[in-house]
Amino acid sequence: MHPSTLAKRVYILIFIIVIAFYLYGLGQLPLLGPDEPRYAQVAREMFLNRDLITPTLGGHTWFEKPALLYWLIAAGFKVFGVSEWSARLGPAICGVLTVLAVWCVAREVDRSFGFWSLIVMASCLGLIVFSRAASFDVVVTMTTTWSLAFFVLHELPTTRRKRLFLVGFYSFVGLSLLAKGLVGVVIPFGAVAFYYLLRRRWPQTSVLISLIWGIPLALAVSAIWYGPVIARHGWSFIDEFFVQHHFARYVSNKYHHPQPIWFYPVIILMLALPWTIHLIAALAKVRSWNWRGDDSLSLVRVFSLAWLLFPIVFFSFSGSKLPGYILPAVPAAALLVSDRLTAVRNSKWPLLIASTTAALVLIVLHFAAAPYANRESVRDLLALADARGYANAPVLAQRSDDRSAEFYAHDRVIYGANGEPVTFDEVLVDQARAWGGRFIVFLPVEHAENLRRANGIEIIGDNGKTAVLGWKP
């Protein structure tokens, strides 16, 4: 068999394994945290309303994020039905596409570089974890990775059809705008600018000229959603989406996610596990690079460093910091690690690290994650209450880190005029009696005991964190 044919078959086999690994067990755990259930519910409402323009939650407009993740989830619901698996399918595919983009860059440099990039990127815990959740972070990671992959391919001396790569760059910048708003522009353009700064060279004339047609192309792609939603909702969308959830989130602590300025250098080391030591070793040797070299390896090295550092620096000055913000920097870390592994004589150890990581993920998924997940979700508590005779009863949910009631009791949660769930302590007995019937109430478990002897209250059960009560006012 010809060596190139064998190599293709090996890559096909590896990608099949990667796809199977990323798709396996997506529906094994309930939707968790404040984000997953709400994002899945927004997508369900768009799907049920047959309205792919206006995101709503409980019937109230929800302009926190753009539409691409919702469209991916809604597509999963359309094809496979409403479930945790179909809600997470789109993000998982984005994870696989991110691996593919990194491989496409590295294989242009060297066959060994391409092989290790595939292994390293697919086994980075940061990408694995975020790809198993209904998360905007992995979607924007995929779009920015492809945009920057197209740009670095344009820069390499071995590639042809360079204008086509620039078309890909700007098109994916437009998709990045649909994936997570303005950050989809900031990361690609910021990383490219930082790359030229590190090389101490001006962009090629073709790159500068491409701005004339490329920026309109990116805006045209993003206008698929931004155009209709602004036309329909005007200033209310612009204020909430751009002013509050972009500028106010960056310059203030309005959304209560403060962290020290050194937060992201630590987080990137965690997201790069199990390759953290190799990443540190790769960064320790940057001074020996040929920073202004025009060979493919030198270009990819400098570009990867710019790609890694820019998101970390940019988000370190943000007033709101969450780990997922710098997930788009992980592909750059994978390229730097892969560069280092090409010089490793014994390939058994890196392969063992990757396979062990995959095995540990599967072990945790099967034996350790379920007890934690069940504690962090009201899915099973809701089923318990329904079995106790409260099926179809309205739900008084909580405002906490657990927003799973907004998905699992989607048509039963009572919302206030502000779009937030109405909680038990906000409802007067006379008001509840006017609504009639009985209610399901979710409370912190430590508060439930105080109501054990209250009239009309039945403590149905708890998961160690949240209690479910039946209330007949």
Protein backbone atom coordinates (compact mmCIF):
# COMPACT_ATOMS: atom_id res chain seq x y z
CA MET A 1 0.00 0.00 0.00
CA HIS A 2 1.28 3.47 -0.90
CA PRO A 3 2.37 5.47 2.21
CA SER A 4 0.08 8.40 1.33
CA THR A 5 -2.92 6.07 1.04
CA LEU A 6 -2.08 4.51 4.40
CA ALA A 7 -1.74 7.96 5.99
CA LYS A 8 -5.17 8.98 4.67
CA ARG A 9 -6.74 5.86 6.10
CA VAL A 10 -5.06 6.47 9.45
CA TYR A 11 -6.42 10.03 9.56
CA ILE A 12 -9.90 8.85 8.58
CA LEU A 13 -9.79 6.28 11.39
CA ILE A 14 -8.61 8.88 13.92
CA PHE A 15 -11.35 11.32 12.91
CA ILE A 16 -13.98 8.60 13.23
CA ILE A 17 -12.73 7.92 16.76
CA VAL A 18 -12.74 11.65 17.57
CA ILE A 19 -16.28 12.09 16.26
CA ALA A 20 -17.52 9.07 18.21
CA PHE A 21 -15.81 10.33 21.38
CA TYR A 22 -17.24 13.85 21.09
CA LEU A 23 -20.78 12.62 20.39
CA TYR A 24 -20.85 9.82 22.93
CA GLY A 25 -22.97 10.29 26.04
CA LEU A 26 -24.17 13.81 25.27
CA GLY A 27 -27.58 13.02 26.73
CA GLN A 28 -26.35 11.14 29.77
CA LEU A 29 -26.51 14.16 32.12
CA PRO A 30 -29.24 16.76 32.61
CA LEU A 31 -28.75 20.30 31.38
CA LEU A 32 -26.78 22.12 34.07
CA GLY A 33 -26.08 25.54 35.51
CA PRO A 34 -27.60 28.89 34.74
CA ASP A 35 -26.79 28.81 31.02
CA GLU A 36 -27.36 25.39 29.47
CA PRO A 37 -31.07 25.06 30.39
CA ARG A 38 -31.88 28.64 29.42
CA TYR A 39 -30.05 28.51 26.09
CA ALA A 40 -31.76 25.21 25.25
CA GLN A 41 -35.12 26.68 26.23
CA VAL A 42 -34.59 29.80 24.11
CA ALA A 43 -33.81 27.52 21.17
CA ARG A 44 -36.93 25.45 21.88
CA GLU A 45 -39.13 28.55 21.93
CA MET A 46 -37.64 29.73 18.64
CA PHE A 47 -38.25 26.26 17.22
CA LEU A 48 -41.83 25.97 18.51
CA ASN A 49 -42.68 29.54 17.50
CA ARG A 50 -41.09 29.02 14.09
CA ASP A 51 -39.32 32.32 14.64
CA LEU A 52 -35.55 32.21 14.10
CA ILE A 53 -35.15 35.96 14.58
CA THR A 54 -36.41 36.85 18.06
CA PRO A 55 -34.94 34.86 20.98
CA THR A 56 -37.41 34.52 23.84
CA LEU A 57 -37.35 32.92 27.28
CA GLY A 58 -40.70 32.28 28.89
CA GLY A 59 -42.23 34.46 26.21
CA HIS A 60 -40.00 37.45 27.07
CA THR A 61 -37.37 38.69 24.62
CA TRP A 62 -33.88 37.40 25.43
CA PHE A 63 -31.21 39.51 23.77
CA GLU A 64 -28.21 38.40 25.81
CA LYS A 65 -26.55 36.43 22.98
CA PRO A 66 -26.78 36.14 19.16
CA ALA A 67 -28.58 33.39 17.30
CA LEU A 68 -26.07 30.83 15.96
CA LEU A 69 -26.11 28.50 18.98
CA TYR A 70 -29.90 28.71 19.14
CA TRP A 71 -30.11 27.76 15.47
CA LEU A 72 -27.81 24.77 16.02
CA ILE A 73 -29.88 23.56 18.98
CA ALA A 74 -33.16 24.16 17.15
CA ALA A 75 -31.83 22.12 14.20
CA GLY A 76 -31.02 19.29 16.61
CA PHE A 77 -34.54 19.48 18.04
CA LYS A 78 -36.01 19.46 14.54
CA VAL A 79 -34.11 16.35 13.44
CA PHE A 80 -33.82 14.32 16.66
CA GLY A 81 -36.53 15.72 18.94
CA VAL A 82 -36.17 17.75 22.12
CA SER A 83 -33.61 16.16 24.44
CA GLU A 84 -30.33 16.85 26.18
CA TRP A 85 -28.48 14.94 23.44
CA SER A 86 -29.93 17.01 20.61
CA ALA A 87 -29.34 20.25 22.56
CA ARG A 88 -25.64 19.43 22.86
CA LEU A 89 -25.18 17.97 19.39
CA GLY A 90 -24.40 21.30 17.68
CA PRO A 91 -21.69 22.31 20.20
CA ALA A 92 -20.15 18.83 19.99
CA ILE A 93 -19.94 19.14 16.20
CA CYS A 94 -18.32 22.55 16.70
CA GLY A 95 -15.70 20.86 18.86
CA VAL A 96 -14.92 18.36 16.09
CA LEU A 97 -14.77 21.14 13.49
CA THR A 98 -12.30 23.01 15.71
CA VAL A 99 -10.04 19.95 15.73
CA LEU A 100 -10.31 19.77 11.94
CA ALA A 101 -9.34 23.44 11.52
CA VAL A 102 -6.21 23.06 13.64
CA TRP A 103 -5.21 19.96 11.70
CA CYS A 104 -5.70 21.76 8.37
CA VAL A 105 -3.16 24.38 9.44
CA ALA A 106 -0.59 22.02 10.90
CA ARG A 107 -0.58 19.52 8.02
CA GLU A 108 0.56 22.30 5.66
CA VAL A 109 3.73 22.62 7.72
CA ASP A 110 4.70 19.02 8.25
CA ARG A 111 3.08 15.58 8.33
CA SER A 112 4.24 14.94 11.90
CA PHE A 113 3.03 18.40 12.96
CA GLY A 114 -0.38 17.62 11.49
CA PHE A 115 -0.60 14.28 13.28
CA TRP A 116 0.23 15.73 16.68
CA SER A 117 -2.09 18.70 16.22
CA LEU A 118 -4.97 16.28 15.68
CA ILE A 119 -4.09 14.27 18.80
CA VAL A 120 -3.42 17.29 21.03
CA MET A 121 -6.43 19.39 20.00
CA ALA A 122 -8.85 16.49 20.29
CA SER A 123 -7.63 15.63 23.79
CA CYS A 124 -7.48 19.15 25.31
CA LEU A 125 -9.77 19.07 28.33
CA GLY A 126 -10.93 22.64 27.70
CA LEU A 127 -12.35 21.73 24.30
CA ILE A 128 -13.74 18.39 25.51
CA VAL A 129 -15.63 19.93 28.44
CA PHE A 130 -17.10 22.89 26.58
CA SER A 131 -18.03 20.71 23.59
CA ARG A 132 -20.23 18.61 25.86
CA ALA A 133 -22.39 21.58 26.87
CA ALA A 134 -24.88 23.86 25.16
CA SER A 135 -22.30 26.63 25.19
CA PHE A 136 -21.70 29.74 23.10
CA ASP A 137 -17.99 29.53 23.93
CA VAL A 138 -17.31 26.43 21.86
CA VAL A 139 -19.33 27.82 18.93
CA VAL A 140 -17.29 31.05 18.80
CA THR A 141 -14.14 28.96 19.31
CA MET A 142 -15.00 26.99 16.17
CA THR A 143 -15.77 30.08 14.06
CA THR A 144 -12.71 32.07 15.20
CA THR A 145 -10.48 29.01 14.77
CA TRP A 146 -11.60 28.60 11.17
CA SER A 147 -11.25 32.31 10.47
CA LEU A 148 -7.69 32.37 11.83
CA ALA A 149 -6.88 29.04 10.17
CA PHE A 150 -7.86 30.53 6.82
CA PHE A 151 -5.73 33.58 7.50
CA VAL A 152 -2.59 31.67 8.46
CA LEU A 153 -3.06 29.41 5.43
CA HIS A 154 -3.10 32.59 3.35
CA GLU A 155 0.23 33.55 4.91
CA LEU A 156 2.01 30.25 4.24
CA PRO A 157 4.30 30.20 1.19
CA THR A 158 3.20 26.67 0.22
CA THR A 159 -0.49 27.45 -0.35
CA ARG A 160 -2.25 28.69 -3.48
CA ARG A 161 -5.57 30.43 -4.08
CA LYS A 162 -4.71 32.91 -1.37
CA ARG A 163 -7.66 35.19 -2.08
CA LEU A 164 -9.97 32.24 -1.43
CA PHE A 165 -8.43 31.88 2.02
CA LEU A 166 -9.12 35.57 2.71
CA VAL A 167 -12.74 35.00 1.65
CA GLY A 168 -12.86 32.19 4.21
CA PHE A 169 -11.33 34.45 6.86
CA TYR A 170 -13.90 37.20 6.46
CA SER A 171 -16.81 34.78 6.07
CA PHE A 172 -15.98 33.14 9.38
CA VAL A 173 -15.55 36.52 11.04
CA GLY A 174 -19.16 37.12 10.00
CA LEU A 175 -20.16 33.76 11.49
CA SER A 176 -18.25 34.68 14.65
CA LEU A 177 -20.44 37.77 14.94
CA LEU A 178 -23.42 35.40 14.84
CA ALA A 179 -21.71 33.11 17.36
CA LYS A 180 -21.00 35.57 20.18
CA GLY A 181 -21.31 39.15 19.02
CA LEU A 182 -18.50 41.68 18.81
CA VAL A 183 -15.91 39.38 20.36
CA GLY A 184 -16.15 37.45 17.09
CA VAL A 185 -14.52 40.46 15.41
CA VAL A 186 -12.15 41.43 18.21
CA ILE A 187 -10.38 38.07 18.49
CA PRO A 188 -9.63 37.42 14.78
CA PHE A 189 -8.59 41.00 13.93
CA GLY A 190 -6.75 41.43 17.23
CA ALA A 191 -4.78 38.20 16.78
CA VAL A 192 -3.87 39.11 13.19
CA ALA A 193 -2.73 42.61 14.20
CA PHE A 194 -0.68 41.18 17.09
CA TYR A 195 0.90 38.69 14.68
CA TYR A 196 2.17 41.48 12.42
CA LEU A 197 3.35 43.39 15.48
CA LEU A 198 5.39 40.42 16.71
CA ARG A 199 6.92 39.97 13.26
CA ARG A 200 7.56 43.73 13.01
CA ARG A 201 6.21 43.81 9.48
CA TRP A 202 3.35 45.51 7.70
CA PRO A 203 0.61 43.35 6.17
CA GLN A 204 0.92 42.52 2.51
CA THR A 205 -0.80 44.88 0.12
CA SER A 206 -3.31 42.17 -0.78
CA VAL A 207 -4.31 41.91 2.89
CA LEU A 208 -4.82 45.67 3.24
CA ILE A 209 -6.84 45.83 0.02
CA SER A 210 -8.96 42.89 1.21
CA LEU A 211 -10.36 45.09 3.98
CA ILE A 212 -12.28 47.02 1.32
CA TRP A 213 -14.34 43.98 0.30
CA GLY A 214 -13.74 41.70 3.29
CA ILE A 215 -15.39 43.82 5.99
CA PRO A 216 -18.59 44.23 3.91
CA LEU A 217 -18.52 40.45 3.33
CA ALA A 218 -18.31 39.76 7.07
CA LEU A 219 -21.11 42.23 7.76
CA ALA A 220 -23.24 40.68 5.03
CA VAL A 221 -22.87 37.22 6.58
CA SER A 222 -23.78 38.52 10.04
CA ALA A 223 -26.67 40.56 8.62
CA ILE A 224 -28.57 37.30 8.10
CA TRP A 225 -29.71 37.76 11.72
CA TYR A 226 -28.67 41.25 12.83
CA GLY A 227 -30.58 42.90 9.99
CA PRO A 228 -34.00 41.38 10.75
CA VAL A 229 -33.65 41.55 14.55
CA ILE A 230 -32.68 45.25 14.51
CA ALA A 231 -35.44 46.02 12.00
CA ARG A 232 -37.96 44.29 14.26
CA HIS A 233 -36.85 45.48 17.71
CA GLY A 234 -34.77 48.60 17.11
CA TRP A 235 -33.25 50.34 20.10
CA SER A 236 -34.46 47.80 22.68
CA PHE A 237 -32.24 45.18 21.01
CA ILE A 238 -29.30 47.53 20.48
CA ASP A 239 -29.35 48.69 24.10
CA GLU A 240 -29.65 45.26 25.68
CA PHE A 241 -27.40 43.36 23.27
CA PHE A 242 -24.62 45.84 22.48
CA VAL A 243 -24.69 48.38 25.31
CA GLN A 244 -25.52 46.14 28.28
CA HIS A 245 -24.13 42.73 27.29
CA HIS A 246 -21.04 43.95 25.44
CA PHE A 247 -19.75 47.30 26.65
CA ALA A 248 -21.16 47.27 30.19
CA ARG A 249 -20.07 43.65 30.65
CA TYR A 250 -16.50 44.50 29.60
CA VAL A 251 -15.97 47.77 31.48
CA SER A 252 -17.85 46.99 34.70
CA ASN A 253 -18.75 44.25 37.17
CA LYS A 254 -22.45 44.58 36.38
CA TYR A 255 -22.88 40.82 35.92
CA HIS A 256 -20.90 39.87 39.04
CA HIS A 257 -18.02 37.83 37.59
CA PRO A 258 -14.97 39.68 38.98
CA GLN A 259 -11.57 38.01 38.97
CA PRO A 260 -7.97 39.21 39.44
CA ILE A 261 -5.95 40.28 36.40
CA TRP A 262 -3.85 37.10 36.56
CA PHE A 263 -6.99 34.91 36.27
CA TYR A 264 -6.65 34.00 32.59
CA PRO A 265 -2.96 32.99 32.56
CA VAL A 266 -3.94 30.38 35.15
CA ILE A 267 -7.11 29.37 33.31
CA ILE A 268 -5.32 28.77 29.99
CA LEU A 269 -3.01 26.32 31.74
CA MET A 270 -6.06 24.47 33.03
CA LEU A 271 -7.84 24.50 29.67
CA ALA A 272 -4.69 23.10 28.02
CA LEU A 273 -4.58 20.02 30.27
CA PRO A 274 -3.17 17.37 29.91
CA TRP A 275 -0.63 19.26 27.75
CA THR A 276 0.12 22.08 30.19
CA ILE A 277 3.73 21.11 30.84
CA HIS A 278 4.40 20.88 27.11
CA LEU A 279 2.80 24.30 26.59
CA ILE A 280 5.03 25.86 29.25
CA ALA A 281 8.07 24.18 27.69
CA ALA A 282 7.08 25.47 24.24
CA LEU A 283 6.68 29.02 25.54
CA ALA A 284 10.06 28.81 27.26
CA LYS A 285 11.75 28.41 23.86
CA VAL A 286 10.10 31.27 21.96
CA ARG A 287 13.29 33.35 22.13
CA SER A 288 15.04 30.82 19.88
CA TRP A 289 12.48 31.24 17.07
CA ASN A 290 13.17 32.91 13.79
CA TRP A 291 10.57 35.63 14.39
CA ARG A 292 10.82 37.18 10.95
CA GLY A 293 11.37 33.98 9.01
CA ASP A 294 9.21 33.32 5.95
CA ASP A 295 9.20 29.53 6.20
CA SER A 296 5.93 27.86 7.15
CA LEU A 297 7.02 26.70 10.60
CA SER A 298 8.23 30.16 11.66
CA LEU A 299 5.02 31.78 10.44
CA VAL A 300 2.79 29.30 12.26
CA ARG A 301 4.82 29.62 15.44
CA VAL A 302 4.53 33.40 15.61
CA PHE A 303 0.91 33.38 14.55
CA SER A 304 0.06 30.80 17.21
CA LEU A 305 1.74 32.89 19.88
CA ALA A 306 -0.22 35.98 18.83
CA TRP A 307 -3.40 33.92 18.73
CA LEU A 308 -2.71 32.60 22.23
CA LEU A 309 -1.72 35.88 23.88
CA PHE A 310 -4.21 38.34 22.44
CA PRO A 311 -7.42 36.85 23.97
CA ILE A 312 -5.65 36.45 27.32
CA VAL A 313 -4.48 40.07 27.37
CA PHE A 314 -7.77 41.46 26.05
CA PHE A 315 -10.03 39.64 28.51
CA SER A 316 -7.67 40.18 31.44
CA PHE A 317 -8.80 43.83 31.45
CA SER A 318 -12.49 42.92 31.35
CA GLY A 319 -14.61 43.70 34.38
CA SER A 320 -16.38 40.36 33.91
CA LYS A 321 -14.30 37.18 33.67
CA LEU A 322 -15.46 33.64 33.01
CA PRO A 323 -13.21 30.69 32.01
CA GLY A 324 -14.94 30.14 28.66
CA TYR A 325 -14.02 33.61 27.40
CA ILE A 326 -10.52 32.46 26.43
CA LEU A 327 -11.48 29.07 25.04
CA PRO A 328 -10.72 30.47 21.53
CA ALA A 329 -7.05 30.62 22.59
CA VAL A 330 -6.84 26.86 23.19
CA PRO A 331 -6.32 25.93 19.49
CA ALA A 332 -3.25 28.18 19.47
CA ALA A 333 -1.96 26.40 22.57
CA ALA A 334 -2.51 23.08 20.79
CA LEU A 335 -0.43 24.23 17.82
CA LEU A 336 2.44 25.28 20.09
CA VAL A 337 2.31 21.97 21.95
CA SER A 338 2.18 20.03 18.68
CA ASP A 339 5.25 21.89 17.44
CA ARG A 340 7.10 20.74 20.52
CA LEU A 341 5.92 17.13 20.17
CA THR A 342 7.31 16.87 16.64
CA ALA A 343 10.76 16.85 18.24
CA VAL A 344 9.88 14.09 20.72
CA ARG A 345 11.71 10.90 19.83
CA ASN A 346 9.46 8.53 21.76
CA SER A 347 5.88 9.05 20.57
CA LYS A 348 4.43 6.47 22.96
CA TRP A 349 4.18 8.85 25.91
CA PRO A 350 2.14 11.58 24.17
CA LEU A 351 -0.19 8.93 22.72
CA LEU A 352 -0.55 7.41 26.18
CA ILE A 353 -1.38 10.84 27.62
CA ALA A 354 -4.09 11.42 25.00
CA SER A 355 -5.65 7.98 25.35
CA THR A 356 -5.53 8.13 29.15
CA THR A 357 -7.27 11.51 29.07
CA ALA A 358 -10.05 10.13 26.88
CA ALA A 359 -10.43 7.10 29.14
CA LEU A 360 -10.62 9.28 32.27
CA VAL A 361 -13.28 11.47 30.66
CA LEU A 362 -15.40 8.42 29.92
CA ILE A 363 -14.88 7.02 33.44
CA VAL A 364 -15.91 10.32 35.03
CA LEU A 365 -18.91 10.55 32.73
CA HIS A 366 -20.11 7.08 33.71
CA PHE A 367 -19.25 6.86 37.40
CA ALA A 368 -18.70 10.31 38.92
CA ALA A 369 -20.62 12.93 36.97
CA ALA A 370 -24.18 11.69 37.53
CA PRO A 371 -24.37 12.26 41.32
CA TYR A 372 -23.04 15.80 40.90
CA ALA A 373 -25.25 16.55 37.91
CA ASN A 374 -28.39 15.27 39.61
CA ARG A 375 -27.67 17.55 42.55
CA GLU A 376 -27.31 20.53 40.24
CA SER A 377 -30.55 19.97 38.29
CA VAL A 378 -34.24 19.77 39.19
CA ARG A 379 -35.06 17.34 36.37
CA ASP A 380 -35.50 14.33 38.65
CA LEU A 381 -37.22 16.39 41.36
CA LEU A 382 -39.77 17.57 38.83
CA ALA A 383 -40.46 13.98 37.78
CA LEU A 384 -40.85 13.05 41.46
CA ALA A 385 -43.39 15.83 42.00
CA ASP A 386 -45.30 14.85 38.87
CA ALA A 387 -45.52 11.27 40.12
CA ARG A 388 -46.88 12.59 43.43
CA GLY A 389 -49.85 14.15 41.67
CA TYR A 390 -48.49 17.55 40.65
CA ALA A 391 -48.30 16.89 36.92
CA ASN A 392 -49.00 20.07 34.96
CA ALA A 393 -49.01 22.18 38.15
CA PRO A 394 -47.48 25.68 37.77
CA VAL A 395 -43.90 25.98 39.00
CA LEU A 396 -42.40 28.59 41.30
CA ALA A 397 -38.71 28.27 40.46
CA GLN A 398 -35.57 29.80 41.97
CA ARG A 399 -33.21 32.51 40.83
CA SER A 400 -29.96 30.73 41.42
CA ASP A 401 -27.12 29.05 39.58
CA ASP A 402 -29.55 26.25 38.78
CA ARG A 403 -31.96 27.37 36.05
CA SER A 404 -32.90 23.87 34.92
CA ALA A 405 -36.58 24.36 35.81
CA GLU A 406 -36.78 26.85 32.95
CA PHE A 407 -36.13 23.98 30.53
CA TYR A 408 -37.67 20.95 32.22
CA ALA A 409 -40.83 22.81 33.31
CA HIS A 410 -40.73 25.17 30.35
CA ASP A 411 -44.47 25.65 29.92
CA ARG A 412 -45.23 25.72 33.65
CA VAL A 413 -42.76 28.19 35.15
CA ILE A 414 -44.42 31.44 36.22
CA TYR A 415 -42.54 34.51 35.01
CA GLY A 416 -42.85 38.06 36.22
CA ALA A 417 -43.07 41.21 34.14
CA ASN A 418 -39.25 41.51 34.27
CA GLY A 419 -38.80 38.15 32.54
CA GLU A 420 -37.48 36.44 35.69
CA PRO A 421 -39.14 33.41 37.34
CA VAL A 422 -41.55 34.26 40.16
CA THR A 423 -40.25 32.73 43.38
CA PHE A 424 -42.19 31.34 46.32
CA ASP A 425 -41.43 34.28 48.61
CA GLU A 426 -42.81 36.73 46.06
CA VAL A 427 -46.29 35.20 45.96
CA LEU A 428 -48.99 36.18 48.45
CA VAL A 429 -51.42 33.49 49.57
CA ASP A 430 -54.42 35.44 48.31
CA GLN A 431 -52.75 35.87 44.92
CA ALA A 432 -51.96 32.16 44.73
CA ARG A 433 -55.55 31.27 45.64
CA ALA A 434 -56.78 33.53 42.87
CA TRP A 435 -54.64 31.53 40.44
CA GLY A 436 -56.24 28.37 41.84
CA GLY A 437 -55.04 24.77 41.99
CA ARG A 438 -51.72 23.61 43.39
CA PHE A 439 -48.11 24.60 42.77
CA ILE A 440 -44.67 23.03 42.62
CA VAL A 441 -42.14 25.01 44.63
CA PHE A 442 -38.34 24.76 44.42
CA LEU A 443 -36.36 26.05 47.40
CA PRO A 444 -32.84 25.64 48.81
CA VAL A 445 -32.95 22.49 50.91
CA GLU A 446 -31.94 24.37 54.06
CA HIS A 447 -35.08 26.51 53.81
CA ALA A 448 -37.48 23.63 53.27
CA GLU A 449 -37.47 22.42 56.87
CA ASN A 450 -38.84 25.77 58.02
CA LEU A 451 -42.00 25.04 56.05
CA ARG A 452 -42.50 21.41 57.07
CA ARG A 453 -45.42 22.21 59.38
CA ALA A 454 -46.90 25.01 57.30
CA ASN A 455 -50.48 24.56 56.15
CA GLY A 456 -50.84 23.40 52.58
CA ILE A 457 -47.13 22.54 52.21
CA GLU A 458 -45.93 19.04 51.33
CA ILE A 459 -42.20 18.33 51.22
CA ILE A 460 -41.86 15.88 48.34
CA GLY A 461 -38.08 15.36 48.26
CA ASP A 462 -34.69 16.90 47.65
CA ASN A 463 -31.43 16.23 45.82
CA GLY A 464 -29.15 17.45 48.61
CA LYS A 465 -29.14 21.01 47.32
CA THR A 466 -32.67 21.84 46.22
CA ALA A 467 -35.97 20.71 47.73
CA VAL A 468 -39.23 20.29 45.84
CA LEU A 469 -42.43 21.11 47.66
CA GLY A 470 -46.08 20.77 46.80
CA TRP A 471 -48.18 23.76 47.77
CA LYS A 472 -51.92 24.01 47.86
CA PRO A 473 -52.75 27.54 49.09
